[in-house]
């Protein structure tokens, strides 16, 4: 394995671990021991906005002509 493959694998493992920690934190914070409900709706709204922004940026980057014309790829 070269250094890029190892770095990519490590980054994937770190992102997966952060996702698991986030799901665990959400589950223990809201589902098992729910607060009074004041923060649940804003938290879900922020999560939806974050997913939309990341998805939009990914779509813009994937559709970029400059990215596809780069001789590196």
PDB file of N, CA and C in Angstrom:
ATOM      1  N   UNK A   1       0.845  -1.200   0.000  1.00  0.00           N
ATOM      2  CA  UNK A   1       0.000   0.000   0.000  1.00  0.00           C
ATOM      3  C   UNK A   1       0.877   1.246   0.000  1.00  0.00           C
ATOM      4  N   UNK A   2       0.446   2.200  -0.738  1.00  0.00           N
ATOM      5  CA  UNK A   2       1.194   3.445  -0.744  1.00  0.00           C
ATOM      6  C   UNK A   2       0.620   4.391   0.313  1.00  0.00           C
ATOM      7  N   UNK A   3       1.256   5.536   0.461  1.00  0.00           N
ATOM      8  CA  UNK A   3       0.871   6.470   1.518  1.00  0.00           C
ATOM      9  C   UNK A   3      -0.529   7.043   1.307  1.00  0.00           C
ATOM     10  N   UNK A   4      -0.929   7.261   0.061  1.00  0.00           N
ATOM     11  CA  UNK A   4      -2.260   7.808  -0.205  1.00  0.00           C
ATOM     12  C   UNK A   4      -3.349   6.824   0.176  1.00  0.00           C
ATOM     13  N   UNK A   5      -3.140   5.565  -0.103  1.00  0.00           N
ATOM     14  CA  UNK A   5      -4.138   4.559   0.237  1.00  0.00           C
ATOM     15  C   UNK A   5      -4.290   4.451   1.741  1.00  0.00           C
ATOM     16  N   UNK A   6      -3.187   4.476   2.455  1.00  0.00           N
ATOM     17  CA  UNK A   6      -3.238   4.405   3.907  1.00  0.00           C
ATOM     18  C   UNK A   6      -3.917   5.646   4.475  1.00  0.00           C
ATOM     19  N   UNK A   7      -3.589   6.811   3.954  1.00  0.00           N
ATOM     20  CA  UNK A   7      -4.208   8.051   4.431  1.00  0.00           C
ATOM     21  C   UNK A   7      -5.702   8.066   4.126  1.00  0.00           C
ATOM     22  N   UNK A   8      -6.093   7.590   2.948  1.00  0.00           N
ATOM     23  CA  UNK A   8      -7.513   7.531   2.607  1.00  0.00           C
ATOM     24  C   UNK A   8      -8.261   6.564   3.492  1.00  0.00           C
ATOM     25  N   UNK A   9      -7.656   5.412   3.775  1.00  0.00           N
ATOM     26  CA  UNK A   9      -8.275   4.437   4.663  1.00  0.00           C
ATOM     27  C   UNK A   9      -8.411   5.001   6.070  1.00  0.00           C
ATOM     28  N   UNK A  10      -7.376   5.667   6.552  1.00  0.00           N
ATOM     29  CA  UNK A  10      -7.423   6.272   7.884  1.00  0.00           C
ATOM     30  C   UNK A  10      -8.501   7.348   7.959  1.00  0.00           C
ATOM     31  N   UNK A  11      -8.602   8.180   6.926  1.00  0.00           N
ATOM     32  CA  UNK A  11      -9.624   9.225   6.910  1.00  0.00           C
ATOM     33  C   UNK A  11     -11.024   8.619   6.900  1.00  0.00           C
ATOM     34  N   UNK A  12     -11.212   7.539   6.162  1.00  0.00           N
ATOM     35  CA  UNK A  12     -12.514   6.873   6.130  1.00  0.00           C
ATOM     36  C   UNK A  12     -12.864   6.298   7.487  1.00  0.00           C
ATOM     37  N   UNK A  13     -11.898   5.707   8.160  1.00  0.00           N
ATOM     38  CA  UNK A  13     -12.138   5.149   9.496  1.00  0.00           C
ATOM     39  C   UNK A  13     -12.475   6.258  10.483  1.00  0.00           C
ATOM     40  N   UNK A  14     -11.783   7.384  10.405  1.00  0.00           N
ATOM     41  CA  UNK A  14     -12.050   8.502  11.309  1.00  0.00           C
ATOM     42  C   UNK A  14     -13.452   9.061  11.070  1.00  0.00           C
ATOM     43  N   UNK A  15     -13.847   9.224   9.817  1.00  0.00           N
ATOM     44  CA  UNK A  15     -15.178   9.741   9.511  1.00  0.00           C
ATOM     45  C   UNK A  15     -16.248   8.774   9.987  1.00  0.00           C
ATOM     46  N   UNK A  16     -16.039   7.471   9.797  1.00  0.00           N
ATOM     47  CA  UNK A  16     -17.003   6.476  10.265  1.00  0.00           C
ATOM     48  C   UNK A  16     -17.107   6.498  11.789  1.00  0.00           C
ATOM     49  N   UNK A  17     -15.972   6.643  12.472  1.00  0.00           N
ATOM     50  CA  UNK A  17     -15.993   6.698  13.940  1.00  0.00           C
ATOM     51  C   UNK A  17     -16.728   7.944  14.425  1.00  0.00           C
ATOM     52  N   UNK A  18     -16.518   9.072  13.769  1.00  0.00           N
ATOM     53  CA  UNK A  18     -17.234  10.287  14.158  1.00  0.00           C
ATOM     54  C   UNK A  18     -18.736  10.150  13.913  1.00  0.00           C
ATOM     55  N   UNK A  19     -19.114   9.481  12.837  1.00  0.00           N
ATOM     56  CA  UNK A  19     -20.535   9.250  12.565  1.00  0.00           C
ATOM     57  C   UNK A  19     -21.147   8.358  13.638  1.00  0.00           C
ATOM     58  N   UNK A  20     -20.434   7.323  14.040  1.00  0.00           N
ATOM     59  CA  UNK A  20     -20.943   6.434  15.090  1.00  0.00           C
ATOM     60  C   UNK A  20     -21.071   7.188  16.401  1.00  0.00           C
ATOM     61  N   UNK A  21     -20.087   7.997  16.730  1.00  0.00           N
ATOM     62  CA  UNK A  21     -20.173   8.795  17.960  1.00  0.00           C
ATOM     63  C   UNK A  21     -21.331   9.786  17.908  1.00  0.00           C
ATOM     64  N   UNK A  22     -21.569  10.376  16.755  1.00  0.00           N
ATOM     65  CA  UNK A  22     -22.688  11.299  16.611  1.00  0.00           C
ATOM     66  C   UNK A  22     -24.025  10.617  16.777  1.00  0.00           C
ATOM     67  N   UNK A  23     -24.170   9.446  16.173  1.00  0.00           N
ATOM     68  CA  UNK A  23     -25.423   8.690  16.323  1.00  0.00           C
ATOM     69  C   UNK A  23     -25.609   8.249  17.774  1.00  0.00           C
ATOM     70  N   UNK A  24     -24.536   7.809  18.407  1.00  0.00           N
ATOM     71  CA  UNK A  24     -24.616   7.416  19.805  1.00  0.00           C
ATOM     72  C   UNK A  24     -24.991   8.606  20.693  1.00  0.00           C
ATOM     73  N   UNK A  25     -24.367   9.747  20.436  1.00  0.00           N
ATOM     74  CA  UNK A  25     -24.678  10.948  21.223  1.00  0.00           C
ATOM     75  C   UNK A  25     -26.109  11.403  21.029  1.00  0.00           C
ATOM     76  N   UNK A  26     -26.592  11.363  19.795  1.00  0.00           N
ATOM     77  CA  UNK A  26     -27.981  11.734  19.538  1.00  0.00           C
ATOM     78  C   UNK A  26     -28.924  10.756  20.219  1.00  0.00           C
ATOM     79  N   UNK A  27     -28.604   9.476  20.116  1.00  0.00           N
ATOM     80  CA  UNK A  27     -29.470   8.467  20.733  1.00  0.00           C
ATOM     81  C   UNK A  27     -29.511   8.579  22.239  1.00  0.00           C
ATOM     82  N   UNK A  28     -28.366   8.790  22.862  1.00  0.00           N
ATOM     83  CA  UNK A  28     -28.354   8.888  24.320  1.00  0.00           C
ATOM     84  C   UNK A  28     -28.855  10.241  24.808  1.00  0.00           C
ATOM     85  N   UNK A  29     -28.702  11.261  24.007  1.00  0.00           N
ATOM     86  CA  UNK A  29     -29.118  12.589  24.448  1.00  0.00           C
ATOM     87  C   UNK A  29     -30.582  12.888  24.205  1.00  0.00           C
ATOM     88  N   UNK A  30     -31.142  12.388  23.108  1.00  0.00           N
ATOM     89  CA  UNK A  30     -32.525  12.735  22.760  1.00  0.00           C
ATOM     90  C   UNK A  30     -33.486  11.564  22.847  1.00  0.00           C
ATOM     91  N   UNK A  31     -33.057  10.391  22.461  1.00  0.00           N
ATOM     92  CA  UNK A  31     -33.990   9.272  22.398  1.00  0.00           C
ATOM     93  C   UNK A  31     -34.145   8.553  23.731  1.00  0.00           C
ATOM     94  N   UNK A  32     -33.039   8.310  24.429  1.00  0.00           N
ATOM     95  CA  UNK A  32     -33.109   7.583  25.694  1.00  0.00           C
ATOM     96  C   UNK A  32     -33.519   8.505  26.832  1.00  0.00           C
ATOM     97  N   UNK A  33     -32.899   9.671  26.904  1.00  0.00           N
ATOM     98  CA  UNK A  33     -33.180  10.607  27.984  1.00  0.00           C
ATOM     99  C   UNK A  33     -33.583  11.943  27.367  1.00  0.00           C
ATOM    100  N   UNK A  34     -34.820  12.044  26.865  1.00  0.00           N
ATOM    101  CA  UNK A  34     -35.196  13.263  26.136  1.00  0.00           C
ATOM    102  C   UNK A  34     -35.298  14.484  27.046  1.00  0.00           C
ATOM    103  N   UNK A  35     -34.812  15.627  26.560  1.00  0.00           N
ATOM    104  CA  UNK A  35     -34.991  16.863  27.322  1.00  0.00           C
ATOM    105  C   UNK A  35     -36.442  17.331  27.202  1.00  0.00           C
ATOM    106  N   UNK A  36     -36.696  18.518  27.642  1.00  0.00           N
ATOM    107  CA  UNK A  36     -38.069  19.030  27.636  1.00  0.00           C
ATOM    108  C   UNK A  36     -38.616  19.223  26.235  1.00  0.00           C
ATOM    109  N   UNK A  37     -37.829  19.067  25.216  1.00  0.00           N
ATOM    110  CA  UNK A  37     -38.294  19.186  23.845  1.00  0.00           C
ATOM    111  C   UNK A  37     -38.007  20.539  23.225  1.00  0.00           C
ATOM    112  N   UNK A  38     -37.379  21.414  23.966  1.00  0.00           N
ATOM    113  CA  UNK A  38     -37.107  22.758  23.468  1.00  0.00           C
ATOM    114  C   UNK A  38     -36.039  22.734  22.381  1.00  0.00           C
ATOM    115  N   UNK A  39     -35.079  21.849  22.501  1.00  0.00           N
ATOM    116  CA  UNK A  39     -33.941  21.853  21.582  1.00  0.00           C
ATOM    117  C   UNK A  39     -34.029  20.802  20.488  1.00  0.00           C
ATOM    118  N   UNK A  40     -35.021  19.932  20.507  1.00  0.00           N
ATOM    119  CA  UNK A  40     -35.084  18.856  19.537  1.00  0.00           C
ATOM    120  C   UNK A  40     -35.343  19.375  18.123  1.00  0.00           C
ATOM    121  N   UNK A  41     -36.318  20.229  17.950  1.00  0.00           N
ATOM    122  CA  UNK A  41     -36.663  20.746  16.621  1.00  0.00           C
ATOM    123  C   UNK A  41     -35.525  21.586  16.032  1.00  0.00           C
ATOM    124  N   UNK A  42     -34.909  22.498  16.785  1.00  0.00           N
ATOM    125  CA  UNK A  42     -33.769  23.232  16.210  1.00  0.00           C
ATOM    126  C   UNK A  42     -32.591  22.324  15.867  1.00  0.00           C
ATOM    127  N   UNK A  43     -32.363  21.293  16.647  1.00  0.00           N
ATOM    128  CA  UNK A  43     -31.263  20.374  16.360  1.00  0.00           C
ATOM    129  C   UNK A  43     -31.505  19.629  15.052  1.00  0.00           C
ATOM    130  N   UNK A  44     -32.720  19.169  14.844  1.00  0.00           N
ATOM    131  CA  UNK A  44     -33.039  18.465  13.602  1.00  0.00           C
ATOM    132  C   UNK A  44     -32.974  19.428  12.423  1.00  0.00           C
ATOM    133  N   UNK A  45     -33.420  20.664  12.613  1.00  0.00           N
ATOM    134  CA  UNK A  45     -33.364  21.656  11.534  1.00  0.00           C
ATOM    135  C   UNK A  45     -31.916  21.955  11.143  1.00  0.00           C
ATOM    136  N   UNK A  46     -31.037  22.087  12.108  1.00  0.00           N
ATOM    137  CA  UNK A  46     -29.624  22.346  11.824  1.00  0.00           C
ATOM    138  C   UNK A  46     -29.007  21.154  11.115  1.00  0.00           C
ATOM    139  N   UNK A  47     -29.373  19.944  11.514  1.00  0.00           N
ATOM    140  CA  UNK A  47     -28.870  18.749  10.854  1.00  0.00           C
ATOM    141  C   UNK A  47     -29.310  18.700   9.390  1.00  0.00           C
ATOM    142  N   UNK A  48     -30.557  19.040   9.123  1.00  0.00           N
ATOM    143  CA  UNK A  48     -31.062  19.050   7.746  1.00  0.00           C
ATOM    144  C   UNK A  48     -30.335  20.097   6.914  1.00  0.00           C
ATOM    145  N   UNK A  49     -30.148  21.282   7.468  1.00  0.00           N
ATOM    146  CA  UNK A  49     -29.442  22.345   6.741  1.00  0.00           C
ATOM    147  C   UNK A  49     -27.992  21.934   6.458  1.00  0.00           C
ATOM    148  N   UNK A  50     -27.331  21.323   7.428  1.00  0.00           N
ATOM    149  CA  UNK A  50     -25.950  20.885   7.220  1.00  0.00           C
ATOM    150  C   UNK A  50     -25.864  19.837   6.125  1.00  0.00           C
ATOM    151  N   UNK A  51     -26.789  18.883   6.116  1.00  0.00           N
ATOM    152  CA  UNK A  51     -26.787  17.854   5.076  1.00  0.00           C
ATOM    153  C   UNK A  51     -27.034  18.478   3.703  1.00  0.00           C
ATOM    154  N   UNK A  52     -27.948  19.425   3.623  1.00  0.00           N
ATOM    155  CA  UNK A  52     -28.224  20.092   2.349  1.00  0.00           C
ATOM    156  C   UNK A  52     -27.022  20.895   1.854  1.00  0.00           C
ATOM    157  N   UNK A  53     -26.356  21.588   2.751  1.00  0.00           N
ATOM    158  CA  UNK A  53     -25.190  22.386   2.352  1.00  0.00           C
ATOM    159  C   UNK A  53     -24.053  21.485   1.880  1.00  0.00           C
ATOM    160  N   UNK A  54     -23.771  20.434   2.631  1.00  0.00           N
ATOM    161  CA  UNK A  54     -22.699  19.520   2.233  1.00  0.00           C
ATOM    162  C   UNK A  54     -23.049  18.828   0.924  1.00  0.00           C
ATOM    163  N   UNK A  55     -24.289  18.412   0.763  1.00  0.00           N
ATOM    164  CA  UNK A  55     -24.713  17.788  -0.482  1.00  0.00           C
ATOM    165  C   UNK A  55     -24.619  18.746  -1.657  1.00  0.00           C
ATOM    166  N   UNK A  56     -25.016  20.004  -1.441  1.00  0.00           N
ATOM    167  CA  UNK A  56     -24.916  21.005  -2.503  1.00  0.00           C
ATOM    168  C   UNK A  56     -23.487  21.286  -2.905  1.00  0.00           C
ATOM    169  N   UNK A  57     -22.610  21.412  -1.923  1.00  0.00           N
ATOM    170  CA  UNK A  57     -21.199  21.644  -2.241  1.00  0.00           C
ATOM    171  C   UNK A  57     -20.583  20.446  -2.956  1.00  0.00           C
ATOM    172  N   UNK A  58     -20.981  19.249  -2.559  1.00  0.00           N
ATOM    173  CA  UNK A  58     -20.491  18.051  -3.234  1.00  0.00           C
ATOM    174  C   UNK A  58     -20.966  18.022  -4.683  1.00  0.00           C
ATOM    175  N   UNK A  59     -22.229  18.358  -4.908  1.00  0.00           N
ATOM    176  CA  UNK A  59     -22.766  18.369  -6.267  1.00  0.00           C
ATOM    177  C   UNK A  59     -22.074  19.429  -7.121  1.00  0.00           C
ATOM    178  N   UNK A  60     -21.815  20.590  -6.548  1.00  0.00           N
ATOM    179  CA  UNK A  60     -21.106  21.635  -7.296  1.00  0.00           C
ATOM    180  C   UNK A  60     -19.686  21.203  -7.638  1.00  0.00           C
ATOM    181  N   UNK A  61     -19.017  20.579  -6.697  1.00  0.00           N
ATOM    182  CA  UNK A  61     -17.649  20.139  -6.945  1.00  0.00           C
ATOM    183  C   UNK A  61     -17.585  19.008  -7.948  1.00  0.00           C
ATOM    184  N   UNK A  62     -18.542  18.094  -7.893  1.00  0.00           N
ATOM    185  CA  UNK A  62     -18.536  16.958  -8.813  1.00  0.00           C
ATOM    186  C   UNK A  62     -18.890  17.399 -10.225  1.00  0.00           C
ATOM    187  N   UNK A  63     -19.679  18.445 -10.371  1.00  0.00           N
ATOM    188  CA  UNK A  63     -20.072  18.900 -11.694  1.00  0.00           C
ATOM    189  C   UNK A  63     -19.175  19.966 -12.277  1.00  0.00           C
ATOM    190  N   UNK A  64     -18.122  20.298 -11.594  1.00  0.00           N
ATOM    191  CA  UNK A  64     -17.236  21.358 -12.056  1.00  0.00           C
ATOM    192  C   UNK A  64     -16.430  20.915 -13.267  1.00  0.00           C
ATOM    193  N   UNK A  65     -16.430  21.732 -14.315  1.00  0.00           N
ATOM    194  CA  UNK A  65     -15.639  21.411 -15.514  1.00  0.00           C
ATOM    195  C   UNK A  65     -14.150  21.488 -15.203  1.00  0.00           C
ATOM    196  N   UNK A  66     -13.771  22.426 -14.356  1.00  0.00           N
ATOM    197  CA  UNK A  66     -12.348  22.582 -14.046  1.00  0.00           C
ATOM    198  C   UNK A  66     -11.818  21.329 -13.358  1.00  0.00           C
ATOM    199  N   UNK A  67     -12.611  20.744 -12.482  1.00  0.00           N
ATOM    200  CA  UNK A  67     -12.176  19.545 -11.782  1.00  0.00           C
ATOM    201  C   UNK A  67     -12.003  18.386 -12.753  1.00  0.00           C
ATOM    202  N   UNK A  68     -12.922  18.250 -13.715  1.00  0.00           N
ATOM    203  CA  UNK A  68     -12.846  17.146 -14.667  1.00  0.00           C
ATOM    204  C   UNK A  68     -11.747  17.351 -15.696  1.00  0.00           C
ATOM    205  N   UNK A  69     -11.405  18.580 -16.007  1.00  0.00           N
ATOM    206  CA  UNK A  69     -10.380  18.855 -17.008  1.00  0.00           C
ATOM    207  C   UNK A  69      -8.967  18.844 -16.433  1.00  0.00           C
ATOM    208  N   UNK A  70      -8.851  18.689 -15.158  1.00  0.00           N
ATOM    209  CA  UNK A  70      -7.542  18.672 -14.518  1.00  0.00           C
ATOM    210  C   UNK A  70      -6.744  17.466 -15.032  1.00  0.00           C
ATOM    211  N   UNK A  71      -5.523  17.679 -15.542  1.00  0.00           N
ATOM    212  CA  UNK A  71      -4.755  16.560 -16.094  1.00  0.00           C
ATOM    213  C   UNK A  71      -4.322  15.552 -15.019  1.00  0.00           C
ATOM    214  N   UNK A  72      -4.398  15.935 -13.766  1.00  0.00           N
ATOM    215  CA  UNK A  72      -4.005  15.020 -12.702  1.00  0.00           C
ATOM    216  C   UNK A  72      -4.913  13.802 -12.691  1.00  0.00           C
ATOM    217  N   UNK A  73      -6.198  14.004 -12.949  1.00  0.00           N
ATOM    218  CA  UNK A  73      -7.155  12.899 -12.897  1.00  0.00           C
ATOM    219  C   UNK A  73      -7.136  12.167 -14.209  1.00  0.00           C
TER     220      UNK A  73
END
